[in-house]
Structure formats: C-alpha cells, structure tokens
Amino acid sequence: MGDLFDETDAQNTLVTAYDVNVNFFDTADIYQDSHSEQTLAKLVKD
C-alpha cells in the first residue's frame, strides 16, 4: 500500500495547505519515487 500515489489527491492536499498559509513542503526524491517533487513543481509553475 505504500506505493499508491494519487496525483489529484496530492494536488488537492497541497492547494488546501497553501490556502491556509502552509509555506514549507518537505519533499525528497525518495518519497513516492519523486512524485512528491514533481507534483509540487507542477503546482508552483501554475
């Protein structure tokens, strides 16, 4: 179960966190095979 990743859920979580003024997101290339970094990068670009 640790390898499941839903990009839509991740994006919704990140947007919600940002909306309530969270400004630090801990990412590492070992988290979900770099998906966390890639998802955050997509949101930052937009």
C-alpha atoms as a PDB file:
ATOM      1  CA  MET A   1       0.000   0.000   0.000  1.00  0.00           C
ATOM      2  CA  GLY A   2       2.948   2.352   0.458  1.00  0.00           C
ATOM      3  CA  ASP A   3       3.416   2.687  -3.284  1.00  0.00           C
ATOM      4  CA  LEU A   4      -0.016   4.156  -4.070  1.00  0.00           C
ATOM      5  CA  PHE A   5       0.017   7.722  -5.331  1.00  0.00           C
ATOM      6  CA  ASP A   6      -2.956   9.726  -6.480  1.00  0.00           C
ATOM      7  CA  GLU A   7      -1.808  12.968  -8.084  1.00  0.00           C
ATOM      8  CA  THR A   8      -5.241  14.590  -7.824  1.00  0.00           C
ATOM      9  CA  ASP A   9      -5.393  13.906  -4.084  1.00  0.00           C
ATOM     10  CA  ALA A  10      -1.844  15.191  -3.680  1.00  0.00           C
ATOM     11  CA  GLN A  11      -2.635  18.392  -5.585  1.00  0.00           C
ATOM     12  CA  ASN A  12      -5.788  18.979  -3.563  1.00  0.00           C
ATOM     13  CA  THR A  13      -3.863  18.476  -0.328  1.00  0.00           C
ATOM     14  CA  LEU A  14      -1.100  20.874  -1.400  1.00  0.00           C
ATOM     15  CA  VAL A  15      -3.559  23.555  -2.527  1.00  0.00           C
ATOM     16  CA  THR A  16      -5.525  23.281   0.709  1.00  0.00           C
ATOM     17  CA  ALA A  17      -2.338  23.526   2.760  1.00  0.00           C
ATOM     18  CA  TYR A  18      -1.197  26.585   0.794  1.00  0.00           C
ATOM     19  CA  ASP A  19      -4.624  28.203   1.186  1.00  0.00           C
ATOM     20  CA  VAL A  20      -4.270  28.016   4.978  1.00  0.00           C
ATOM     21  CA  ASN A  21      -0.772  29.561   4.824  1.00  0.00           C
ATOM     22  CA  VAL A  22       1.427  26.483   4.987  1.00  0.00           C
ATOM     23  CA  ASN A  23       4.651  27.610   3.327  1.00  0.00           C
ATOM     24  CA  PHE A  24       7.054  24.706   3.874  1.00  0.00           C
ATOM     25  CA  PHE A  25       6.717  21.449   1.983  1.00  0.00           C
ATOM     26  CA  ASP A  26       9.199  18.683   2.732  1.00  0.00           C
ATOM     27  CA  THR A  27       9.957  16.768  -0.444  1.00  0.00           C
ATOM     28  CA  ALA A  28      12.669  14.297  -1.302  1.00  0.00           C
ATOM     29  CA  ASP A  29      13.327  12.154  -4.304  1.00  0.00           C
ATOM     30  CA  ILE A  30      12.789   9.052  -2.181  1.00  0.00           C
ATOM     31  CA  TYR A  31       9.191   9.997  -1.376  1.00  0.00           C
ATOM     32  CA  GLN A  32       6.931   8.131  -3.793  1.00  0.00           C
ATOM     33  CA  ASP A  33       9.714   7.767  -6.370  1.00  0.00           C
ATOM     34  CA  SER A  34       9.996  11.563  -6.881  1.00  0.00           C
ATOM     35  CA  HIS A  35       6.257  12.042  -7.434  1.00  0.00           C
ATOM     36  CA  SER A  36       6.037  14.441  -4.492  1.00  0.00           C
ATOM     37  CA  GLU A  37       8.627  16.765  -6.008  1.00  0.00           C
ATOM     38  CA  GLN A  38       7.100  16.559  -9.478  1.00  0.00           C
ATOM     39  CA  THR A  39       3.587  17.285  -8.210  1.00  0.00           C
ATOM     40  CA  LEU A  40       4.737  20.270  -6.159  1.00  0.00           C
ATOM     41  CA  ALA A  41       6.749  21.597  -9.125  1.00  0.00           C
ATOM     42  CA  LYS A  42       3.673  21.456 -11.381  1.00  0.00           C
ATOM     43  CA  LEU A  43       1.621  23.434  -8.861  1.00  0.00           C
ATOM     44  CA  VAL A  44       4.328  26.042  -8.314  1.00  0.00           C
ATOM     45  CA  LYS A  45       4.604  26.614 -12.064  1.00  0.00           C
ATOM     46  CA  ASP A  46       0.867  27.293 -12.294  1.00  0.00           C
END
